[in-house]
Amino acid sequence: MEIESYRLLCRDASIAMTNHAKARLQERKVCLDDIESAIFSGIIIEKYPDDAPFPSCLIAGKAVNGNVLHTVISTDGEFIYIITAYWPDPDRWTEEFTKRKEG
């Protein structure tokens, strides 16, 4: 799936997440507005076609505050499922936060 398909679902507010995901996002101080902003501004940097129950992807985009946010999402074509979101660690990612550092 391409980023535009996720953006269309995001415009319709068709977003779902588990209570576990909500709790983790709260711990990380990530809100739904941040995730939506990252989807609209971001790019898909990794795809996970073998994930179940639906293929997922990692998006790097800008949160509301302008910082890069990584968001892992999937879709069944009707809803976006938020798997997780986090502020990427500069020690593990390149300067643009789009590629993992080697080693």
PDB file of N, CA and C in Angstrom:
ATOM      1  N   MET A   1       0.850  -1.176   0.000  1.00  0.00           N
ATOM      2  CA  MET A   1       0.000   0.000   0.000  1.00  0.00           C
ATOM      3  C   MET A   1       0.895   1.238   0.000  1.00  0.00           C
ATOM      4  N   GLU A   2       0.444   2.250  -0.674  1.00  0.00           N
ATOM      5  CA  GLU A   2       1.213   3.494  -0.778  1.00  0.00           C
ATOM      6  C   GLU A   2       0.705   4.523   0.234  1.00  0.00           C
ATOM      7  N   ILE A   3       1.514   5.521   0.487  1.00  0.00           N
ATOM      8  CA  ILE A   3       1.205   6.533   1.504  1.00  0.00           C
ATOM      9  C   ILE A   3      -0.120   7.240   1.221  1.00  0.00           C
ATOM     10  N   GLU A   4      -0.440   7.471  -0.044  1.00  0.00           N
ATOM     11  CA  GLU A   4      -1.671   8.196  -0.375  1.00  0.00           C
ATOM     12  C   GLU A   4      -2.903   7.439   0.105  1.00  0.00           C
ATOM     13  N   SER A   5      -2.874   6.125   0.064  1.00  0.00           N
ATOM     14  CA  SER A   5      -4.007   5.327   0.545  1.00  0.00           C
ATOM     15  C   SER A   5      -4.205   5.520   2.046  1.00  0.00           C
ATOM     16  N   TYR A   6      -3.098   5.579   2.791  1.00  0.00           N
ATOM     17  CA  TYR A   6      -3.197   5.836   4.228  1.00  0.00           C
ATOM     18  C   TYR A   6      -3.725   7.238   4.493  1.00  0.00           C
ATOM     19  N   ARG A   7      -3.287   8.192   3.697  1.00  0.00           N
ATOM     20  CA  ARG A   7      -3.746   9.574   3.882  1.00  0.00           C
ATOM     21  C   ARG A   7      -5.249   9.703   3.640  1.00  0.00           C
ATOM     22  N   LEU A   8      -5.760   8.983   2.654  1.00  0.00           N
ATOM     23  CA  LEU A   8      -7.204   9.022   2.392  1.00  0.00           C
ATOM     24  C   LEU A   8      -7.987   8.484   3.582  1.00  0.00           C
ATOM     25  N   LEU A   9      -7.542   7.375   4.153  1.00  0.00           N
ATOM     26  CA  LEU A   9      -8.216   6.823   5.324  1.00  0.00           C
ATOM     27  C   LEU A   9      -8.082   7.758   6.519  1.00  0.00           C
ATOM     28  N   CYS A  10      -6.933   8.390   6.643  1.00  0.00           N
ATOM     29  CA  CYS A  10      -6.698   9.312   7.756  1.00  0.00           C
ATOM     30  C   CYS A  10      -7.638  10.519   7.662  1.00  0.00           C
ATOM     31  N   ARG A  11      -7.896  10.994   6.453  1.00  0.00           N
ATOM     32  CA  ARG A  11      -8.820  12.124   6.259  1.00  0.00           C
ATOM     33  C   ARG A  11     -10.226  11.780   6.743  1.00  0.00           C
ATOM     34  N   ASP A  12     -10.584  10.505   6.615  1.00  0.00           N
ATOM     35  CA  ASP A  12     -11.915  10.046   7.038  1.00  0.00           C
ATOM     36  C   ASP A  12     -11.963   9.722   8.523  1.00  0.00           C
ATOM     37  N   ALA A  13     -10.850   9.930   9.222  1.00  0.00           N
ATOM     38  CA  ALA A  13     -10.755   9.632  10.657  1.00  0.00           C
ATOM     39  C   ALA A  13     -11.048   8.160  10.937  1.00  0.00           C
ATOM     40  N   SER A  14     -10.631   7.301  10.017  1.00  0.00           N
ATOM     41  CA  SER A  14     -10.821   5.860  10.173  1.00  0.00           C
ATOM     42  C   SER A  14      -9.592   5.260  10.833  1.00  0.00           C
ATOM     43  N   ILE A  15      -9.382   5.611  12.091  1.00  0.00           N
ATOM     44  CA  ILE A  15      -8.192   5.190  12.820  1.00  0.00           C
ATOM     45  C   ILE A  15      -8.604   4.376  14.035  1.00  0.00           C
ATOM     46  N   ALA A  16      -7.941   3.236  14.212  1.00  0.00           N
ATOM     47  CA  ALA A  16      -8.229   2.366  15.357  1.00  0.00           C
ATOM     48  C   ALA A  16      -6.917   1.994  16.031  1.00  0.00           C
ATOM     49  N   MET A  17      -6.989   1.782  17.347  1.00  0.00           N
ATOM     50  CA  MET A  17      -5.821   1.288  18.073  1.00  0.00           C
ATOM     51  C   MET A  17      -6.274   0.553  19.323  1.00  0.00           C
ATOM     52  N   THR A  18      -5.432  -0.349  19.763  1.00  0.00           N
ATOM     53  CA  THR A  18      -5.741  -1.119  20.958  1.00  0.00           C
ATOM     54  C   THR A  18      -5.492  -0.267  22.206  1.00  0.00           C
ATOM     55  N   ASN A  19      -6.018  -0.724  23.314  1.00  0.00           N
ATOM     56  CA  ASN A  19      -5.756  -0.037  24.581  1.00  0.00           C
ATOM     57  C   ASN A  19      -4.267  -0.081  24.917  1.00  0.00           C
ATOM     58  N   HIS A  20      -3.617  -1.189  24.563  1.00  0.00           N
ATOM     59  CA  HIS A  20      -2.176  -1.303  24.802  1.00  0.00           C
ATOM     60  C   HIS A  20      -1.426  -0.227  24.019  1.00  0.00           C
ATOM     61  N   ALA A  21      -1.777  -0.047  22.750  1.00  0.00           N
ATOM     62  CA  ALA A  21      -1.128   0.980  21.926  1.00  0.00           C
ATOM     63  C   ALA A  21      -1.389   2.368  22.502  1.00  0.00           C
ATOM     64  N   LYS A  22      -2.618   2.620  22.938  1.00  0.00           N
ATOM     65  CA  LYS A  22      -2.939   3.920  23.543  1.00  0.00           C
ATOM     66  C   LYS A  22      -2.072   4.183  24.767  1.00  0.00           C
ATOM     67  N   ALA A  23      -1.900   3.168  25.604  1.00  0.00           N
ATOM     68  CA  ALA A  23      -1.088   3.328  26.810  1.00  0.00           C
ATOM     69  C   ALA A  23       0.365   3.614  26.461  1.00  0.00           C
ATOM     70  N   ARG A  24       0.910   2.898  25.474  1.00  0.00           N
ATOM     71  CA  ARG A  24       2.296   3.126  25.075  1.00  0.00           C
ATOM     72  C   ARG A  24       2.486   4.528  24.498  1.00  0.00           C
ATOM     73  N   LEU A  25       1.532   4.979  23.707  1.00  0.00           N
ATOM     74  CA  LEU A  25       1.633   6.323  23.131  1.00  0.00           C
ATOM     75  C   LEU A  25       1.578   7.378  24.222  1.00  0.00           C
ATOM     76  N   GLN A  26       0.733   7.155  25.205  1.00  0.00           N
ATOM     77  CA  GLN A  26       0.643   8.088  26.324  1.00  0.00           C
ATOM     78  C   GLN A  26       1.974   8.138  27.077  1.00  0.00           C
ATOM     79  N   GLU A  27       2.590   6.986  27.305  1.00  0.00           N
ATOM     80  CA  GLU A  27       3.900   6.938  27.964  1.00  0.00           C
ATOM     81  C   GLU A  27       4.951   7.712  27.179  1.00  0.00           C
ATOM     82  N   ARG A  28       4.859   7.636  25.857  1.00  0.00           N
ATOM     83  CA  ARG A  28       5.851   8.281  24.987  1.00  0.00           C
ATOM     84  C   ARG A  28       5.489   9.722  24.638  1.00  0.00           C
ATOM     85  N   LYS A  29       4.377  10.179  25.171  1.00  0.00           N
ATOM     86  CA  LYS A  29       3.891  11.535  24.914  1.00  0.00           C
ATOM     87  C   LYS A  29       3.673  11.787  23.414  1.00  0.00           C
ATOM     88  N   VAL A  30       2.976  10.834  22.799  1.00  0.00           N
ATOM     89  CA  VAL A  30       2.581  10.922  21.396  1.00  0.00           C
ATOM     90  C   VAL A  30       1.070  10.957  21.366  1.00  0.00           C
ATOM     91  N   CYS A  31       0.507  11.954  20.706  1.00  0.00           N
ATOM     92  CA  CYS A  31      -0.956  12.046  20.619  1.00  0.00           C
ATOM     93  C   CYS A  31      -1.417  11.714  19.199  1.00  0.00           C
ATOM     94  N   LEU A  32      -2.708  11.517  19.053  1.00  0.00           N
ATOM     95  CA  LEU A  32      -3.276  11.173  17.753  1.00  0.00           C
ATOM     96  C   LEU A  32      -2.995  12.264  16.723  1.00  0.00           C
ATOM     97  N   ASP A  33      -3.024  13.532  17.133  1.00  0.00           N
ATOM     98  CA  ASP A  33      -2.700  14.623  16.200  1.00  0.00           C
ATOM     99  C   ASP A  33      -1.285  14.475  15.654  1.00  0.00           C
ATOM    100  N   ASP A  34      -0.350  14.024  16.494  1.00  0.00           N
ATOM    101  CA  ASP A  34       1.022  13.800  16.039  1.00  0.00           C
ATOM    102  C   ASP A  34       1.067  12.702  14.974  1.00  0.00           C
ATOM    103  N   ILE A  35       0.337  11.631  15.219  1.00  0.00           N
ATOM    104  CA  ILE A  35       0.311  10.511  14.273  1.00  0.00           C
ATOM    105  C   ILE A  35      -0.305  10.932  12.951  1.00  0.00           C
ATOM    106  N   GLU A  36      -1.423  11.638  13.021  1.00  0.00           N
ATOM    107  CA  GLU A  36      -2.058  12.113  11.787  1.00  0.00           C
ATOM    108  C   GLU A  36      -1.129  13.044  11.024  1.00  0.00           C
ATOM    109  N   SER A  37      -0.460  13.947  11.721  1.00  0.00           N
ATOM    110  CA  SER A  37       0.480  14.865  11.088  1.00  0.00           C
ATOM    111  C   SER A  37       1.615  14.094  10.414  1.00  0.00           C
ATOM    112  N   ALA A  38       2.119  13.062  11.075  1.00  0.00           N
ATOM    113  CA  ALA A  38       3.205  12.257  10.506  1.00  0.00           C
ATOM    114  C   ALA A  38       2.748  11.519   9.251  1.00  0.00           C
ATOM    115  N   ILE A  39       1.527  11.025   9.251  1.00  0.00           N
ATOM    116  CA  ILE A  39       1.007  10.331   8.070  1.00  0.00           C
ATOM    117  C   ILE A  39       0.871  11.309   6.907  1.00  0.00           C
ATOM    118  N   PHE A  40       0.345  12.493   7.154  1.00  0.00           N
ATOM    119  CA  PHE A  40       0.141  13.468   6.083  1.00  0.00           C
ATOM    120  C   PHE A  40       1.448  14.048   5.557  1.00  0.00           C
ATOM    121  N   SER A  41       2.459  14.162   6.409  1.00  0.00           N
ATOM    122  CA  SER A  41       3.714  14.785   5.990  1.00  0.00           C
ATOM    123  C   SER A  41       4.799  13.774   5.652  1.00  0.00           C
ATOM    124  N   GLY A  42       4.560  12.505   5.963  1.00  0.00           N
ATOM    125  CA  GLY A  42       5.636  11.534   5.932  1.00  0.00           C
ATOM    126  C   GLY A  42       5.777  10.721   4.668  1.00  0.00           C
ATOM    127  N   ILE A  43       6.758   9.830   4.765  1.00  0.00           N
ATOM    128  CA  ILE A  43       7.037   8.870   3.704  1.00  0.00           C
ATOM    129  C   ILE A  43       7.158   7.488   4.338  1.00  0.00           C
ATOM    130  N   ILE A  44       6.867   6.480   3.547  1.00  0.00           N
ATOM    131  CA  ILE A  44       7.052   5.108   4.004  1.00  0.00           C
ATOM    132  C   ILE A  44       8.538   4.777   3.867  1.00  0.00           C
ATOM    133  N   ILE A  45       9.166   4.401   4.985  1.00  0.00           N
ATOM    134  CA  ILE A  45      10.591   4.096   4.938  1.00  0.00           C
ATOM    135  C   ILE A  45      10.879   2.604   5.047  1.00  0.00           C
ATOM    136  N   GLU A  46       9.934   1.829   5.531  1.00  0.00           N
ATOM    137  CA  GLU A  46      10.072   0.378   5.571  1.00  0.00           C
ATOM    138  C   GLU A  46       8.694  -0.243   5.389  1.00  0.00           C
ATOM    139  N   LYS A  47       8.657  -1.372   4.688  1.00  0.00           N
ATOM    140  CA  LYS A  47       7.411  -2.120   4.521  1.00  0.00           C
ATOM    141  C   LYS A  47       7.593  -3.499   5.134  1.00  0.00           C
ATOM    142  N   TYR A  48       6.530  -3.978   5.764  1.00  0.00           N
ATOM    143  CA  TYR A  48       6.531  -5.285   6.408  1.00  0.00           C
ATOM    144  C   TYR A  48       5.375  -6.112   5.816  1.00  0.00           C
ATOM    145  N   PRO A  49       5.565  -6.625   4.602  1.00  0.00           N
ATOM    146  CA  PRO A  49       4.465  -7.304   3.898  1.00  0.00           C
ATOM    147  C   PRO A  49       3.998  -8.598   4.552  1.00  0.00           C
ATOM    148  N   ASP A  50       4.831  -9.192   5.391  1.00  0.00           N
ATOM    149  CA  ASP A  50       4.472 -10.473   6.007  1.00  0.00           C
ATOM    150  C   ASP A  50       3.823 -10.333   7.375  1.00  0.00           C
ATOM    151  N   ASP A  51       3.630  -9.102   7.853  1.00  0.00           N
ATOM    152  CA  ASP A  51       2.977  -8.906   9.151  1.00  0.00           C
ATOM    153  C   ASP A  51       1.539  -9.411   9.100  1.00  0.00           C
ATOM    154  N   ALA A  52       1.058  -9.869  10.239  1.00  0.00           N
ATOM    155  CA  ALA A  52      -0.313 -10.372  10.342  1.00  0.00           C
ATOM    156  C   ALA A  52      -1.035  -9.605  11.444  1.00  0.00           C
ATOM    157  N   PRO A  53      -2.304  -9.377  11.327  1.00  0.00           N
ATOM    158  CA  PRO A  53      -3.169  -9.918  10.286  1.00  0.00           C
ATOM    159  C   PRO A  53      -3.126  -9.148   8.972  1.00  0.00           C
ATOM    160  N   PHE A  54      -2.476  -7.957   8.946  1.00  0.00           N
ATOM    161  CA  PHE A  54      -2.380  -7.166   7.727  1.00  0.00           C
ATOM    162  C   PHE A  54      -0.945  -6.688   7.551  1.00  0.00           C
ATOM    163  N   PRO A  55      -0.478  -6.554   6.309  1.00  0.00           N
ATOM    164  CA  PRO A  55       0.840  -5.965   6.097  1.00  0.00           C
ATOM    165  C   PRO A  55       0.904  -4.581   6.750  1.00  0.00           C
ATOM    166  N   SER A  56       2.096  -4.205   7.213  1.00  0.00           N
ATOM    167  CA  SER A  56       2.242  -2.903   7.854  1.00  0.00           C
ATOM    168  C   SER A  56       3.438  -2.170   7.255  1.00  0.00           C
ATOM    169  N   CYS A  57       3.624  -0.942   7.715  1.00  0.00           N
ATOM    170  CA  CYS A  57       4.747  -0.148   7.242  1.00  0.00           C
ATOM    171  C   CYS A  57       5.169   0.834   8.324  1.00  0.00           C
ATOM    172  N   LEU A  58       6.387   1.335   8.170  1.00  0.00           N
ATOM    173  CA  LEU A  58       6.945   2.340   9.057  1.00  0.00           C
ATOM    174  C   LEU A  58       6.992   3.652   8.298  1.00  0.00           C
ATOM    175  N   ILE A  59       6.367   4.672   8.874  1.00  0.00           N
ATOM    176  CA  ILE A  59       6.328   6.005   8.279  1.00  0.00           C
ATOM    177  C   ILE A  59       7.181   6.942   9.112  1.00  0.00           C
ATOM    178  N   ALA A  60       7.996   7.740   8.434  1.00  0.00           N
ATOM    179  CA  ALA A  60       8.738   8.819   9.084  1.00  0.00           C
ATOM    180  C   ALA A  60       8.109  10.117   8.620  1.00  0.00           C
ATOM    181  N   GLY A  61       7.586  10.884   9.565  1.00  0.00           N
ATOM    182  CA  GLY A  61       6.942  12.152   9.229  1.00  0.00           C
ATOM    183  C   GLY A  61       7.081  13.130  10.366  1.00  0.00           C
ATOM    184  N   LYS A  62       6.581  14.322  10.164  1.00  0.00           N
ATOM    185  CA  LYS A  62       6.684  15.373  11.176  1.00  0.00           C
ATOM    186  C   LYS A  62       5.454  15.378  12.077  1.00  0.00           C
ATOM    187  N   ALA A  63       5.715  15.391  13.378  1.00  0.00           N
ATOM    188  CA  ALA A  63       4.640  15.533  14.363  1.00  0.00           C
ATOM    189  C   ALA A  63       4.205  16.996  14.392  1.00  0.00           C
ATOM    190  N   VAL A  64       3.204  17.290  15.187  1.00  0.00           N
ATOM    191  CA  VAL A  64       2.678  18.649  15.304  1.00  0.00           C
ATOM    192  C   VAL A  64       3.771  19.643  15.698  1.00  0.00           C
ATOM    193  N   ASN A  65       4.701  19.205  16.561  1.00  0.00           N
ATOM    194  CA  ASN A  65       5.763  20.090  17.030  1.00  0.00           C
ATOM    195  C   ASN A  65       6.923  20.219  16.036  1.00  0.00           C
ATOM    196  N   GLY A  66       6.841  19.526  14.894  1.00  0.00           N
ATOM    197  CA  GLY A  66       7.880  19.598  13.875  1.00  0.00           C
ATOM    198  C   GLY A  66       8.969  18.554  14.002  1.00  0.00           C
ATOM    199  N   ASN A  67       8.969  17.799  15.087  1.00  0.00           N
ATOM    200  CA  ASN A  67       9.959  16.733  15.264  1.00  0.00           C
ATOM    201  C   ASN A  67       9.560  15.502  14.461  1.00  0.00           C
ATOM    202  N   VAL A  68      10.555  14.726  14.057  1.00  0.00           N
ATOM    203  CA  VAL A  68      10.281  13.500  13.310  1.00  0.00           C
ATOM    204  C   VAL A  68       9.672  12.463  14.246  1.00  0.00           C
ATOM    205  N   LEU A  69       8.624  11.834  13.760  1.00  0.00           N
ATOM    206  CA  LEU A  69       7.936  10.772  14.485  1.00  0.00           C
ATOM    207  C   LEU A  69       7.898   9.548  13.588  1.00  0.00           C
ATOM    208  N   HIS A  70       8.196   8.397  14.145  1.00  0.00           N
ATOM    209  CA  HIS A  70       8.047   7.131  13.435  1.00  0.00           C
ATOM    210  C   HIS A  70       6.729   6.507  13.868  1.00  0.00           C
ATOM    211  N   THR A  71       5.967   6.058  12.888  1.00  0.00           N
ATOM    212  CA  THR A  71       4.667   5.452  13.142  1.00  0.00           C
ATOM    213  C   THR A  71       4.557   4.154  12.355  1.00  0.00           C
ATOM    214  N   VAL A  72       4.216   3.081  13.041  1.00  0.00           N
ATOM    215  CA  VAL A  72       3.989   1.801  12.380  1.00  0.00           C
ATOM    216  C   VAL A  72       2.478   1.605  12.307  1.00  0.00           C
ATOM    217  N   ILE A  73       1.985   1.429  11.076  1.00  0.00           N
ATOM    218  CA  ILE A  73       0.545   1.288  10.862  1.00  0.00           C
ATOM    219  C   ILE A  73       0.263   0.155   9.880  1.00  0.00           C
ATOM    220  N   SER A  74      -0.974  -0.306   9.907  1.00  0.00           N
ATOM    221  CA  SER A  74      -1.455  -1.272   8.921  1.00  0.00           C
ATOM    222  C   SER A  74      -2.879  -0.881   8.564  1.00  0.00           C
ATOM    223  N   THR A  75      -3.426  -1.567   7.585  1.00  0.00           N
ATOM    224  CA  THR A  75      -4.809  -1.289   7.199  1.00  0.00           C
ATOM    225  C   THR A  75      -5.466  -2.532   6.617  1.00  0.00           C
ATOM    226  N   ASP A  76      -6.775  -2.577   6.794  1.00  0.00           N
ATOM    227  CA  ASP A  76      -7.575  -3.610   6.149  1.00  0.00           C
ATOM    228  C   ASP A  76      -8.328  -3.009   4.969  1.00  0.00           C
ATOM    229  N   GLY A  77      -7.983  -1.764   4.627  1.00  0.00           N
ATOM    230  CA  GLY A  77      -8.648  -1.052   3.547  1.00  0.00           C
ATOM    231  C   GLY A  77      -9.790  -0.185   4.031  1.00  0.00           C
ATOM    232  N   GLU A  78     -10.215  -0.414   5.262  1.00  0.00           N
ATOM    233  CA  GLU A  78     -11.307   0.360   5.849  1.00  0.00           C
ATOM    234  C   GLU A  78     -10.814   1.225   7.003  1.00  0.00           C
ATOM    235  N   PHE A  79      -9.906   0.686   7.799  1.00  0.00           N
ATOM    236  CA  PHE A  79      -9.356   1.401   8.948  1.00  0.00           C
ATOM    237  C   PHE A  79      -7.834   1.386   8.896  1.00  0.00           C
ATOM    238  N   ILE A  80      -7.236   2.421   9.467  1.00  0.00           N
ATOM    239  CA  ILE A  80      -5.807   2.416   9.764  1.00  0.00           C
ATOM    240  C   ILE A  80      -5.675   1.897  11.189  1.00  0.00           C
ATOM    241  N   TYR A  81      -4.801   0.935  11.376  1.00  0.00           N
ATOM    242  CA  TYR A  81      -4.533   0.403  12.705  1.00  0.00           C
ATOM    243  C   TYR A  81      -3.170   0.916  13.158  1.00  0.00           C
ATOM    244  N   ILE A  82      -3.172   1.642  14.255  1.00  0.00           N
ATOM    245  CA  ILE A  82      -1.930   2.157  14.819  1.00  0.00           C
ATOM    246  C   ILE A  82      -1.300   1.033  15.633  1.00  0.00           C
ATOM    247  N   ILE A  83      -0.128   0.611  15.217  1.00  0.00           N
ATOM    248  CA  ILE A  83       0.578  -0.435  15.943  1.00  0.00           C
ATOM    249  C   ILE A  83       1.443   0.201  17.025  1.00  0.00           C
ATOM    250  N   THR A  84       2.216   1.205  16.629  1.00  0.00           N
ATOM    251  CA  THR A  84       3.017   1.950  17.589  1.00  0.00           C
ATOM    252  C   THR A  84       3.504   3.240  16.951  1.00  0.00           C
ATOM    253  N   ALA A  85       4.009   4.120  17.772  1.00  0.00           N
ATOM    254  CA  ALA A  85       4.655   5.351  17.303  1.00  0.00           C
ATOM    255  C   ALA A  85       5.693   5.730  18.345  1.00  0.00           C
ATOM    256  N   TYR A  86       6.788   6.290  17.869  1.00  0.00           N
ATOM    257  CA  TYR A  86       7.867   6.639  18.793  1.00  0.00           C
ATOM    258  C   TYR A  86       8.731   7.739  18.187  1.00  0.00           C
ATOM    259  N   TRP A  87       9.452   8.415  19.060  1.00  0.00           N
ATOM    260  CA  TRP A  87      10.418   9.425  18.654  1.00  0.00           C
ATOM    261  C   TRP A  87      11.719   8.680  18.357  1.00  0.00           C
ATOM    262  N   PRO A  88      12.201   8.694  17.120  1.00  0.00           N
ATOM    263  CA  PRO A  88      13.373   7.891  16.790  1.00  0.00           C
ATOM    264  C   PRO A  88      14.638   8.349  17.518  1.00  0.00           C
ATOM    265  N   ASP A  89      15.456   7.375  17.865  1.00  0.00           N
ATOM    266  CA  ASP A  89      16.717   7.598  18.571  1.00  0.00           C
ATOM    267  C   ASP A  89      17.793   7.990  17.555  1.00  0.00           C
ATOM    268  N   PRO A  90      18.388   9.171  17.693  1.00  0.00           N
ATOM    269  CA  PRO A  90      19.422   9.593  16.729  1.00  0.00           C
ATOM    270  C   PRO A  90      20.650   8.688  16.720  1.00  0.00           C
ATOM    271  N   ASP A  91      20.845   7.903  17.756  1.00  0.00           N
ATOM    272  CA  ASP A  91      21.964   6.964  17.770  1.00  0.00           C
ATOM    273  C   ASP A  91      21.698   5.741  16.895  1.00  0.00           C
ATOM    274  N   ARG A  92      20.427   5.503  16.570  1.00  0.00           N
ATOM    275  CA  ARG A  92      20.063   4.316  15.787  1.00  0.00           C
ATOM    276  C   ARG A  92      19.643   4.625  14.359  1.00  0.00           C
ATOM    277  N   TRP A  93      19.430   5.929  14.067  1.00  0.00           N
ATOM    278  CA  TRP A  93      18.927   6.335  12.765  1.00  0.00           C
ATOM    279  C   TRP A  93      19.826   7.402  12.158  1.00  0.00           C
ATOM    280  N   THR A  94      19.830   7.478  10.831  1.00  0.00           N
ATOM    281  CA  THR A  94      20.587   8.525  10.155  1.00  0.00           C
ATOM    282  C   THR A  94      20.010   9.888  10.514  1.00  0.00           C
ATOM    283  N   GLU A  95      20.689  10.922  10.104  1.00  0.00           N
ATOM    284  CA  GLU A  95      20.295  12.290  10.444  1.00  0.00           C
ATOM    285  C   GLU A  95      18.855  12.610  10.026  1.00  0.00           C
ATOM    286  N   GLU A  96      18.413  12.059   8.917  1.00  0.00           N
ATOM    287  CA  GLU A  96      17.045  12.305   8.435  1.00  0.00           C
ATOM    288  C   GLU A  96      16.027  11.369   9.075  1.00  0.00           C
ATOM    289  N   PHE A  97      16.495  10.414   9.876  1.00  0.00           N
ATOM    290  CA  PHE A  97      15.656   9.414  10.544  1.00  0.00           C
ATOM    291  C   PHE A  97      14.910   8.529   9.559  1.00  0.00           C
ATOM    292  N   THR A  98      15.505   8.319   8.369  1.00  0.00           N
ATOM    293  CA  THR A  98      14.843   7.488   7.365  1.00  0.00           C
ATOM    294  C   THR A  98      15.564   6.175   7.107  1.00  0.00           C
ATOM    295  N   LYS A  99      16.784   6.025   7.621  1.00  0.00           N
ATOM    296  CA  LYS A  99      17.525   4.792   7.454  1.00  0.00           C
ATOM    297  C   LYS A  99      18.189   4.420   8.762  1.00  0.00           C
ATOM    298  N   ARG A 100      18.167   3.122   9.051  1.00  0.00           N
ATOM    299  CA  ARG A 100      18.834   2.633  10.262  1.00  0.00           C
ATOM    300  C   ARG A 100      20.343   2.709  10.074  1.00  0.00           C
ATOM    301  N   LYS A 101      21.038   3.078  11.129  1.00  0.00           N
ATOM    302  CA  LYS A 101      22.501   3.082  11.071  1.00  0.00           C
ATOM    303  C   LYS A 101      22.993   1.642  11.100  1.00  0.00           C
ATOM    304  N   GLU A 102      24.082   1.403  10.430  1.00  0.00           N
ATOM    305  CA  GLU A 102      24.687   0.077  10.406  1.00  0.00           C
ATOM    306  C   GLU A 102      25.398  -0.188  11.723  1.00  0.00           C
ATOM    307  N   GLY A 103      25.426  -1.446  12.111  1.00  0.00           N
ATOM    308  CA  GLY A 103      26.199  -1.833  13.271  1.00  0.00           C
ATOM    309  C   GLY A 103      25.429  -1.780  14.480  1.00  0.00           C
TER     310      GLY A 103
END
